[in-house]
C-alpha atoms as a PDB file:
ATOM      1  CA  MET A   1      68.028 142.991  58.761  1.00  0.00           C
ATOM      2  CA  SER A   2      66.608 142.520  54.975  1.00  0.00           C
ATOM      3  CA  GLU A   3      64.892 145.250  52.890  1.00  0.00           C
ATOM      4  CA  PRO A   4      61.490 145.530  54.202  1.00  0.00           C
ATOM      5  CA  LEU A   5      58.368 144.137  52.307  1.00  0.00           C
ATOM      6  CA  LEU A   6      56.354 147.291  53.099  1.00  0.00           C
ATOM      7  CA  GLU A   7      57.734 150.628  53.576  1.00  0.00           C
ATOM      8  CA  VAL A   8      55.766 154.071  54.336  1.00  0.00           C
ATOM      9  CA  ARG A   9      57.459 157.490  54.322  1.00  0.00           C
ATOM     10  CA  HIS A  10      56.154 160.245  55.427  1.00  0.00           C
ATOM     11  CA  LEU A  11      52.478 159.211  54.610  1.00  0.00           C
ATOM     12  CA  ALA A  12      49.559 162.178  55.353  1.00  0.00           C
ATOM     13  CA  VAL A  13      46.048 162.075  54.953  1.00  0.00           C
ATOM     14  CA  ARG A  14      43.737 165.371  55.100  1.00  0.00           C
ATOM     15  CA  PHE A  15      39.746 165.504  54.898  1.00  0.00           C
ATOM     16  CA  ALA A  16      37.839 169.049  54.213  1.00  0.00           C
ATOM     17  CA  LEU A  17      35.299 169.861  57.035  1.00  0.00           C
ATOM     18  CA  GLY A  18      33.950 172.268  55.052  1.00  0.00           C
ATOM     19  CA  ARG A  19      34.189 175.883  54.002  1.00  0.00           C
ATOM     20  CA  GLY A  20      37.562 175.853  53.977  1.00  0.00           C
ATOM     21  CA  ARG A  21      38.420 174.099  57.024  1.00  0.00           C
ATOM     22  CA  TYR A  22      40.556 170.494  56.976  1.00  0.00           C
ATOM     23  CA  THR A  23      41.625 168.290  59.749  1.00  0.00           C
ATOM     24  CA  ASP A  24      45.019 166.652  59.232  1.00  0.00           C
ATOM     25  CA  ALA A  25      44.040 162.461  60.143  1.00  0.00           C
ATOM     26  CA  VAL A  26      47.542 161.239  59.573  1.00  0.00           C
ATOM     27  CA  ASP A  27      50.138 163.290  59.514  1.00  0.00           C
ATOM     28  CA  ASP A  28      54.002 162.393  58.037  1.00  0.00           C
ATOM     29  CA  VAL A  29      53.870 158.769  59.133  1.00  0.00           C
ATOM     30  CA  SER A  30      56.467 156.694  58.082  1.00  0.00           C
ATOM     31  CA  LEU A  31      56.692 152.588  59.097  1.00  0.00           C
ATOM     32  CA  GLN A  32      58.462 149.758  57.836  1.00  0.00           C
ATOM     33  CA  LEU A  33      57.297 146.144  57.856  1.00  0.00           C
ATOM     34  CA  HIS A  34      59.340 143.000  56.838  1.00  0.00           C
ATOM     35  CA  ALA A  35      58.281 139.724  55.744  1.00  0.00           C
ATOM     36  CA  GLY A  36      56.793 137.246  58.483  1.00  0.00           C
ATOM     37  CA  GLU A  37      56.200 140.259  60.640  1.00  0.00           C
ATOM     38  CA  THR A  38      53.483 141.937  62.627  1.00  0.00           C
ATOM     39  CA  VAL A  39      53.639 145.440  63.469  1.00  0.00           C
ATOM     40  CA  GLY A  40      50.917 146.857  65.679  1.00  0.00           C
ATOM     41  CA  LEU A  41      49.256 149.906  65.394  1.00  0.00           C
ATOM     42  CA  VAL A  42      47.476 151.027  68.913  1.00  0.00           C
ATOM     43  CA  GLY A  43      46.153 154.470  69.753  1.00  0.00           C
ATOM     44  CA  GLU A  44      42.716 155.778  71.057  1.00  0.00           C
ATOM     45  CA  SER A  45      39.513 156.184  68.760  1.00  0.00           C
ATOM     46  CA  GLY A  46      40.321 158.980  66.182  1.00  0.00           C
ATOM     47  CA  SER A  47      43.971 158.719  66.428  1.00  0.00           C
ATOM     48  CA  GLY A  48      44.322 157.665  62.563  1.00  0.00           C
ATOM     49  CA  LYS A  49      45.227 154.272  62.735  1.00  0.00           C
ATOM     50  CA  SER A  50      42.441 153.230  60.338  1.00  0.00           C
ATOM     51  CA  THR A  51      42.818 156.204  58.258  1.00  0.00           C
ATOM     52  CA  LEU A  52      46.546 154.941  57.958  1.00  0.00           C
ATOM     53  CA  ALA A  53      45.199 151.562  57.169  1.00  0.00           C
ATOM     54  CA  ARG A  54      42.740 152.222  54.189  1.00  0.00           C
ATOM     55  CA  ALA A  55      45.637 155.219  52.704  1.00  0.00           C
ATOM     56  CA  ILE A  56      47.979 152.462  52.672  1.00  0.00           C
ATOM     57  CA  ALA A  57      45.526 150.133  50.548  1.00  0.00           C
ATOM     58  CA  ARG A  58      44.344 152.824  48.987  1.00  0.00           C
ATOM     59  CA  LEU A  59      40.839 153.179  49.926  1.00  0.00           C
ATOM     60  CA  VAL A  60      41.468 156.764  50.976  1.00  0.00           C
ATOM     61  CA  PRO A  61      43.977 159.129  48.716  1.00  0.00           C
ATOM     62  CA  ALA A  62      47.098 160.457  50.408  1.00  0.00           C
ATOM     63  CA  ARG A  63      47.929 163.913  50.614  1.00  0.00           C
ATOM     64  CA  ARG A  64      51.370 162.956  50.332  1.00  0.00           C
ATOM     65  CA  GLY A  65      54.219 160.350  50.863  1.00  0.00           C
ATOM     66  CA  GLU A  66      55.139 156.954  49.693  1.00  0.00           C
ATOM     67  CA  VAL A  67      53.972 153.363  50.185  1.00  0.00           C
ATOM     68  CA  LEU A  68      56.612 151.309  48.966  1.00  0.00           C
ATOM     69  CA  LEU A  69      55.864 147.828  48.366  1.00  0.00           C
ATOM     70  CA  ARG A  70      58.765 145.380  47.430  1.00  0.00           C
ATOM     71  CA  GLY A  71      59.992 148.887  46.528  1.00  0.00           C
ATOM     72  CA  GLU A  72      57.841 150.329  44.096  1.00  0.00           C
ATOM     73  CA  ASP A  73      55.207 152.971  44.913  1.00  0.00           C
ATOM     74  CA  TRP A  74      52.169 151.813  44.694  1.00  0.00           C
ATOM     75  CA  LEU A  75      50.087 155.186  44.975  1.00  0.00           C
ATOM     76  CA  ARG A  76      51.651 156.132  41.440  1.00  0.00           C
ATOM     77  CA  LEU A  77      50.693 152.770  40.263  1.00  0.00           C
ATOM     78  CA  THR A  78      47.812 152.667  37.838  1.00  0.00           C
ATOM     79  CA  GLY A  79      45.821 150.294  35.365  1.00  0.00           C
ATOM     80  CA  ALA A  80      46.977 147.217  35.057  1.00  0.00           C
ATOM     81  CA  ARG A  81      50.113 147.527  36.960  1.00  0.00           C
ATOM     82  CA  LEU A  82      47.866 148.727  40.028  1.00  0.00           C
ATOM     83  CA  ARG A  83      45.523 145.660  39.258  1.00  0.00           C
ATOM     84  CA  ARG A  84      48.099 143.267  39.800  1.00  0.00           C
ATOM     85  CA  ARG A  85      49.661 144.599  42.850  1.00  0.00           C
ATOM     86  CA  ARG A  86      46.796 144.319  44.522  1.00  0.00           C
ATOM     87  CA  ARG A  87      46.558 140.550  45.189  1.00  0.00           C
ATOM     88  CA  ASP A  88      49.605 141.530  47.533  1.00  0.00           C
ATOM     89  CA  LEU A  89      47.560 143.597  49.899  1.00  0.00           C
ATOM     90  CA  GLN A  90      44.392 142.586  51.456  1.00  0.00           C
ATOM     91  CA  LEU A  91      42.332 143.674  54.148  1.00  0.00           C
ATOM     92  CA  VAL A  92      40.492 142.503  57.281  1.00  0.00           C
ATOM     93  CA  PHE A  93      38.126 144.634  58.151  1.00  0.00           C
ATOM     94  CA  GLN A  94      36.156 145.067  61.792  1.00  0.00           C
ATOM     95  CA  ASP A  95      32.806 144.468  61.207  1.00  0.00           C
ATOM     96  CA  PRO A  96      32.931 141.036  59.548  1.00  0.00           C
ATOM     97  CA  LEU A  97      29.367 140.646  58.452  1.00  0.00           C
ATOM     98  CA  ALA A  98      28.982 144.416  56.265  1.00  0.00           C
ATOM     99  CA  SER A  99      32.283 143.349  54.792  1.00  0.00           C
ATOM    100  CA  LEU A 100      30.293 140.637  52.886  1.00  0.00           C
ATOM    101  CA  ASN A 101      27.748 140.816  50.411  1.00  0.00           C
ATOM    102  CA  PRO A 102      24.877 139.579  52.022  1.00  0.00           C
ATOM    103  CA  ARG A 103      23.563 137.918  48.513  1.00  0.00           C
ATOM    104  CA  MET A 104      26.491 136.086  47.548  1.00  0.00           C
ATOM    105  CA  THR A 105      26.754 132.825  48.777  1.00  0.00           C
ATOM    106  CA  VAL A 106      30.453 132.146  50.648  1.00  0.00           C
ATOM    107  CA  GLY A 107      31.673 130.272  48.140  1.00  0.00           C
ATOM    108  CA  ALA A 108      31.014 132.999  45.647  1.00  0.00           C
ATOM    109  CA  ALA A 109      32.401 135.550  47.591  1.00  0.00           C
ATOM    110  CA  LEU A 110      35.840 133.434  47.997  1.00  0.00           C
ATOM    111  CA  ALA A 111      35.532 132.858  44.412  1.00  0.00           C
ATOM    112  CA  GLU A 112      35.431 136.495  43.117  1.00  0.00           C
ATOM    113  CA  PRO A 113      39.035 137.400  44.039  1.00  0.00           C
ATOM    114  CA  LEU A 114      40.480 134.336  42.093  1.00  0.00           C
ATOM    115  CA  LYS A 115      38.233 135.132  39.229  1.00  0.00           C
ATOM    116  CA  LEU A 116      40.232 138.575  39.060  1.00  0.00           C
ATOM    117  CA  PHE A 117      43.151 137.770  39.355  1.00  0.00           C
ATOM    118  CA  HIS A 118      43.173 134.069  38.102  1.00  0.00           C
ATOM    119  CA  GLY A 119      41.485 134.649  35.541  1.00  0.00           C
ATOM    120  CA  GLU A 120      43.277 131.157  33.992  1.00  0.00           C
ATOM    121  CA  MET A 121      41.858 129.048  36.485  1.00  0.00           C
ATOM    122  CA  SER A 122      39.506 126.358  36.360  1.00  0.00           C
ATOM    123  CA  LEU A 123      36.099 126.279  37.597  1.00  0.00           C
ATOM    124  CA  ALA A 124      37.103 122.827  39.334  1.00  0.00           C
ATOM    125  CA  ALA A 125      40.536 124.445  40.412  1.00  0.00           C
ATOM    126  CA  ARG A 126      38.712 127.573  41.880  1.00  0.00           C
ATOM    127  CA  ASP A 127      36.278 125.392  43.706  1.00  0.00           C
ATOM    128  CA  ALA A 128      38.903 123.249  45.570  1.00  0.00           C
ATOM    129  CA  ALA A 129      40.385 126.476  46.182  1.00  0.00           C
ATOM    130  CA  VAL A 130      37.928 127.892  47.464  1.00  0.00           C
ATOM    131  CA  ARG A 131      37.229 124.664  49.725  1.00  0.00           C
ATOM    132  CA  ALA A 132      40.547 124.149  51.052  1.00  0.00           C
ATOM    133  CA  MET A 133      40.655 127.978  52.350  1.00  0.00           C
ATOM    134  CA  LEU A 134      37.175 127.417  54.327  1.00  0.00           C
ATOM    135  CA  GLU A 135      38.620 123.987  55.778  1.00  0.00           C
ATOM    136  CA  ALA A 136      41.965 126.054  56.298  1.00  0.00           C
ATOM    137  CA  VAL A 137      39.910 128.584  58.568  1.00  0.00           C
ATOM    138  CA  GLY A 138      37.809 126.547  60.367  1.00  0.00           C
ATOM    139  CA  LEU A 139      34.839 126.007  58.440  1.00  0.00           C
ATOM    140  CA  ALA A 140      33.555 123.467  56.534  1.00  0.00           C
ATOM    141  CA  ALA A 141      33.934 122.696  52.367  1.00  0.00           C
ATOM    142  CA  THR A 142      30.112 122.248  52.416  1.00  0.00           C
ATOM    143  CA  ASP A 143      29.898 126.027  54.022  1.00  0.00           C
ATOM    144  CA  ALA A 144      30.805 127.820  50.513  1.00  0.00           C
ATOM    145  CA  GLY A 145      26.856 127.054  49.584  1.00  0.00           C
ATOM    146  CA  ARG A 146      25.836 129.094  52.225  1.00  0.00           C
ATOM    147  CA  LEU A 147      25.028 132.862  52.837  1.00  0.00           C
ATOM    148  CA  PRO A 148      26.527 135.156  55.220  1.00  0.00           C
ATOM    149  CA  ARG A 149      23.335 135.570  57.507  1.00  0.00           C
ATOM    150  CA  GLU A 150      23.554 131.604  58.390  1.00  0.00           C
ATOM    151  CA  PHE A 151      26.537 132.093  60.186  1.00  0.00           C
ATOM    152  CA  SER A 152      28.041 133.854  63.213  1.00  0.00           C
ATOM    153  CA  GLY A 153      29.577 137.111  64.009  1.00  0.00           C
ATOM    154  CA  GLY A 154      33.023 135.198  64.192  1.00  0.00           C
ATOM    155  CA  GLN A 155      32.389 133.021  61.670  1.00  0.00           C
ATOM    156  CA  CYS A 156      31.559 135.454  59.192  1.00  0.00           C
ATOM    157  CA  GLN A 157      35.135 137.108  60.494  1.00  0.00           C
ATOM    158  CA  ARG A 158      36.702 133.641  59.496  1.00  0.00           C
ATOM    159  CA  ILE A 159      35.069 134.319  56.327  1.00  0.00           C
ATOM    160  CA  GLY A 160      36.627 137.960  55.481  1.00  0.00           C
ATOM    161  CA  ILE A 161      40.110 136.345  56.641  1.00  0.00           C
ATOM    162  CA  ALA A 162      39.248 133.190  53.866  1.00  0.00           C
ATOM    163  CA  ARG A 163      38.280 135.968  51.348  1.00  0.00           C
ATOM    164  CA  ALA A 164      41.994 137.847  51.751  1.00  0.00           C
ATOM    165  CA  MET A 165      43.682 134.872  52.521  1.00  0.00           C
ATOM    166  CA  ILE A 166      42.804 132.955  49.038  1.00  0.00           C
ATOM    167  CA  LEU A 167      44.688 135.250  47.145  1.00  0.00           C
ATOM    168  CA  ASN A 168      47.931 134.144  49.579  1.00  0.00           C
ATOM    169  CA  PRO A 169      48.947 138.199  50.061  1.00  0.00           C
ATOM    170  CA  ALA A 170      52.552 139.375  51.225  1.00  0.00           C
ATOM    171  CA  VAL A 171      50.709 142.050  53.406  1.00  0.00           C
ATOM    172  CA  LEU A 172      47.531 141.661  55.683  1.00  0.00           C
ATOM    173  CA  VAL A 173      45.940 144.885  57.273  1.00  0.00           C
ATOM    174  CA  CYS A 174      44.058 143.642  59.730  1.00  0.00           C
ATOM    175  CA  ASP A 175      41.720 146.476  61.491  1.00  0.00           C
ATOM    176  CA  GLU A 176      40.223 145.641  64.652  1.00  0.00           C
ATOM    177  CA  PRO A 177      39.342 142.546  63.130  1.00  0.00           C
ATOM    178  CA  VAL A 178      38.064 141.227  66.799  1.00  0.00           C
ATOM    179  CA  SER A 179      36.751 144.432  68.383  1.00  0.00           C
ATOM    180  CA  ALA A 180      32.959 143.779  67.112  1.00  0.00           C
ATOM    181  CA  LEU A 181      33.387 139.714  68.514  1.00  0.00           C
ATOM    182  CA  ASP A 182      32.597 138.627  71.612  1.00  0.00           C
ATOM    183  CA  VAL A 183      35.624 137.724  74.117  1.00  0.00           C
ATOM    184  CA  SER A 184      34.922 134.337  73.987  1.00  0.00           C
ATOM    185  CA  ILE A 185      35.974 134.383  70.635  1.00  0.00           C
ATOM    186  CA  GLN A 186      38.125 137.083  69.899  1.00  0.00           C
ATOM    187  CA  GLY A 187      41.126 134.387  70.874  1.00  0.00           C
ATOM    188  CA  GLN A 188      40.128 131.983  68.175  1.00  0.00           C
ATOM    189  CA  ILE A 189      40.369 134.647  65.385  1.00  0.00           C
ATOM    190  CA  LEU A 190      43.414 135.808  67.057  1.00  0.00           C
ATOM    191  CA  ASN A 191      45.125 132.195  67.015  1.00  0.00           C
ATOM    192  CA  LEU A 192      43.710 131.762  63.530  1.00  0.00           C
ATOM    193  CA  LEU A 193      45.424 134.801  62.233  1.00  0.00           C
ATOM    194  CA  LEU A 194      49.325 133.687  64.154  1.00  0.00           C
ATOM    195  CA  ASP A 195      48.647 129.901  62.367  1.00  0.00           C
ATOM    196  CA  LEU A 196      48.078 131.506  58.768  1.00  0.00           C
ATOM    197  CA  GLN A 197      51.100 133.849  59.441  1.00  0.00           C
ATOM    198  CA  ASP A 198      53.002 131.238  60.382  1.00  0.00           C
ATOM    199  CA  ARG A 199      51.830 128.542  57.291  1.00  0.00           C
ATOM    200  CA  HIS A 200      52.352 131.585  54.486  1.00  0.00           C
ATOM    201  CA  HIS A 201      55.040 133.979  55.995  1.00  0.00           C
ATOM    202  CA  THR A 202      52.340 136.774  55.664  1.00  0.00           C
ATOM    203  CA  ALA A 203      53.865 140.370  57.021  1.00  0.00           C
ATOM    204  CA  MET A 204      50.597 141.571  58.999  1.00  0.00           C
ATOM    205  CA  ILE A 205      49.664 145.911  60.205  1.00  0.00           C
ATOM    206  CA  PHE A 206      47.413 145.085  63.137  1.00  0.00           C
ATOM    207  CA  ILE A 207      45.265 147.817  64.037  1.00  0.00           C
ATOM    208  CA  SER A 208      43.658 147.635  67.548  1.00  0.00           C
ATOM    209  CA  HIS A 209      43.061 149.904  70.198  1.00  0.00           C
ATOM    210  CA  ASN A 210      43.347 146.721  72.716  1.00  0.00           C
ATOM    211  CA  LEU A 211      46.933 146.940  74.132  1.00  0.00           C
ATOM    212  CA  ASP A 212      47.092 143.124  75.514  1.00  0.00           C
ATOM    213  CA  VAL A 213      45.764 142.315  72.147  1.00  0.00           C
ATOM    214  CA  VAL A 214      48.796 143.783  69.753  1.00  0.00           C
ATOM    215  CA  ARG A 215      51.196 142.913  72.405  1.00  0.00           C
ATOM    216  CA  HIS A 216      49.700 139.103  71.978  1.00  0.00           C
ATOM    217  CA  MET A 217      49.832 139.335  68.053  1.00  0.00           C
ATOM    218  CA  SER A 218      53.044 141.809  67.427  1.00  0.00           C
ATOM    219  CA  HIS A 219      56.459 142.017  67.180  1.00  0.00           C
ATOM    220  CA  ARG A 220      57.099 145.793  67.384  1.00  0.00           C
ATOM    221  CA  ILE A 221      54.278 148.297  67.882  1.00  0.00           C
ATOM    222  CA  HIS A 222      53.769 151.949  66.650  1.00  0.00           C
ATOM    223  CA  VAL A 223      51.817 154.318  68.548  1.00  0.00           C
ATOM    224  CA  MET A 224      49.565 156.743  67.532  1.00  0.00           C
ATOM    225  CA  TYR A 225      48.323 160.203  68.743  1.00  0.00           C
ATOM    226  CA  ARG A 226      46.401 162.746  66.703  1.00  0.00           C
ATOM    227  CA  GLY A 227      47.837 161.250  63.234  1.00  0.00           C
ATOM    228  CA  ARG A 228      51.180 160.702  64.066  1.00  0.00           C
ATOM    229  CA  ILE A 229      53.387 158.145  65.306  1.00  0.00           C
ATOM    230  CA  VAL A 230      54.797 158.987  68.717  1.00  0.00           C
ATOM    231  CA  GLU A 231      56.785 156.126  69.656  1.00  0.00           C
ATOM    232  CA  GLN A 232      57.567 152.832  68.496  1.00  0.00           C
ATOM    233  CA  ALA A 233      59.573 149.796  70.339  1.00  0.00           C
ATOM    234  CA  ALA A 234      59.772 146.619  70.023  1.00  0.00           C
ATOM    235  CA  ALA A 235      56.243 144.827  71.897  1.00  0.00           C
ATOM    236  CA  ARG A 236      58.258 143.333  75.039  1.00  0.00           C
ATOM    237  CA  GLN A 237      60.256 147.028  75.156  1.00  0.00           C
ATOM    238  CA  LEU A 238      57.324 149.013  74.597  1.00  0.00           C
ATOM    239  CA  PHE A 239      55.095 147.288  77.719  1.00  0.00           C
ATOM    240  CA  GLU A 240      58.203 147.115  80.073  1.00  0.00           C
ATOM    241  CA  ARG A 241      60.144 150.834  79.412  1.00  0.00           C
ATOM    242  CA  PRO A 242      57.267 152.789  77.428  1.00  0.00           C
ATOM    243  CA  ARG A 243      59.419 156.872  76.734  1.00  0.00           C
ATOM    244  CA  HIS A 244      56.432 159.101  75.584  1.00  0.00           C
ATOM    245  CA  PRO A 245      53.955 160.289  78.128  1.00  0.00           C
ATOM    246  CA  TYR A 246      51.011 159.264  75.851  1.00  0.00           C
ATOM    247  CA  THR A 247      52.047 155.806  75.655  1.00  0.00           C
ATOM    248  CA  ARG A 248      52.519 155.683  79.869  1.00  0.00           C
ATOM    249  CA  ALA A 249      48.994 157.047  79.726  1.00  0.00           C
ATOM    250  CA  LEU A 250      47.901 154.320  77.459  1.00  0.00           C
ATOM    251  CA  LEU A 251      49.287 151.687  79.598  1.00  0.00           C
ATOM    252  CA  ALA A 252      48.274 153.269  82.894  1.00  0.00           C
ATOM    253  CA  ALA A 253      44.516 152.954  81.458  1.00  0.00           C
ATOM    254  CA  ILE A 254      44.811 148.878  81.070  1.00  0.00           C
ATOM    255  CA  PRO A 255      42.116 147.465  83.384  1.00  0.00           C
ATOM    256  CA  ARG A 256      43.538 145.185  86.325  1.00  0.00           C
ATOM    257  CA  LEU A 257      42.395 143.065  88.686  1.00  0.00           C
ATOM    258  CA  ALA A 258      42.627 144.575  92.469  1.00  0.00           C
ATOM    259  CA  ALA A 259      44.367 142.412  94.708  1.00  0.00           C
ATOM    260  CA  PRO A 260      42.007 139.905  96.795  1.00  0.00           C
END
């Protein structure tokens, strides 16, 4: 197999609880992600999945460890070099409406990353890129002039995905991207992510507590428990031959229809 696009080595995140007490939210986590691949992260609430994602994206500080993006530890980058690298890793958040500026039109929200990372683009080129990206996620080009409150939750998540993908990142981190949506909409968003991944060869870290969703999306799955990865395997192997007791307990908890 080729060299990993993203490699996390022994990453740890500790939060202060006050009065000299701490909790290790992420403890000695390592994983690899290759171009075009999806690695799923599963575990119950509080297992450290979202904290790991935020540490990889430098939204929370890591206590120790490395995050190698194309062989370069971007946890150590600063200044202009860090800014250039940020275009390579983008996030899609759980709450689509909360992640959008309510006073900024959709077009302005999508154009903002282009202004930051492609300042040489003309206004006409930015507008064309925004319209094309809106259409790529199943919205209309004319939606660029509307505000987030005018859209449904599913549409807002499409906008969040468009904002992340407009820079054509190498890695997309999806943190519970469908858990806040109606079940009828979840499948549409998942299929959109798969379609965009196929077209752009984007690597994804896909985080969810829903095992069926992760199985649908992932090539490999990592199971987190109390801040650690306790098992990792190809998606089919994990479901057919789980090894760790915690993984078996998770699989046993999946609701199933009773026989008629």
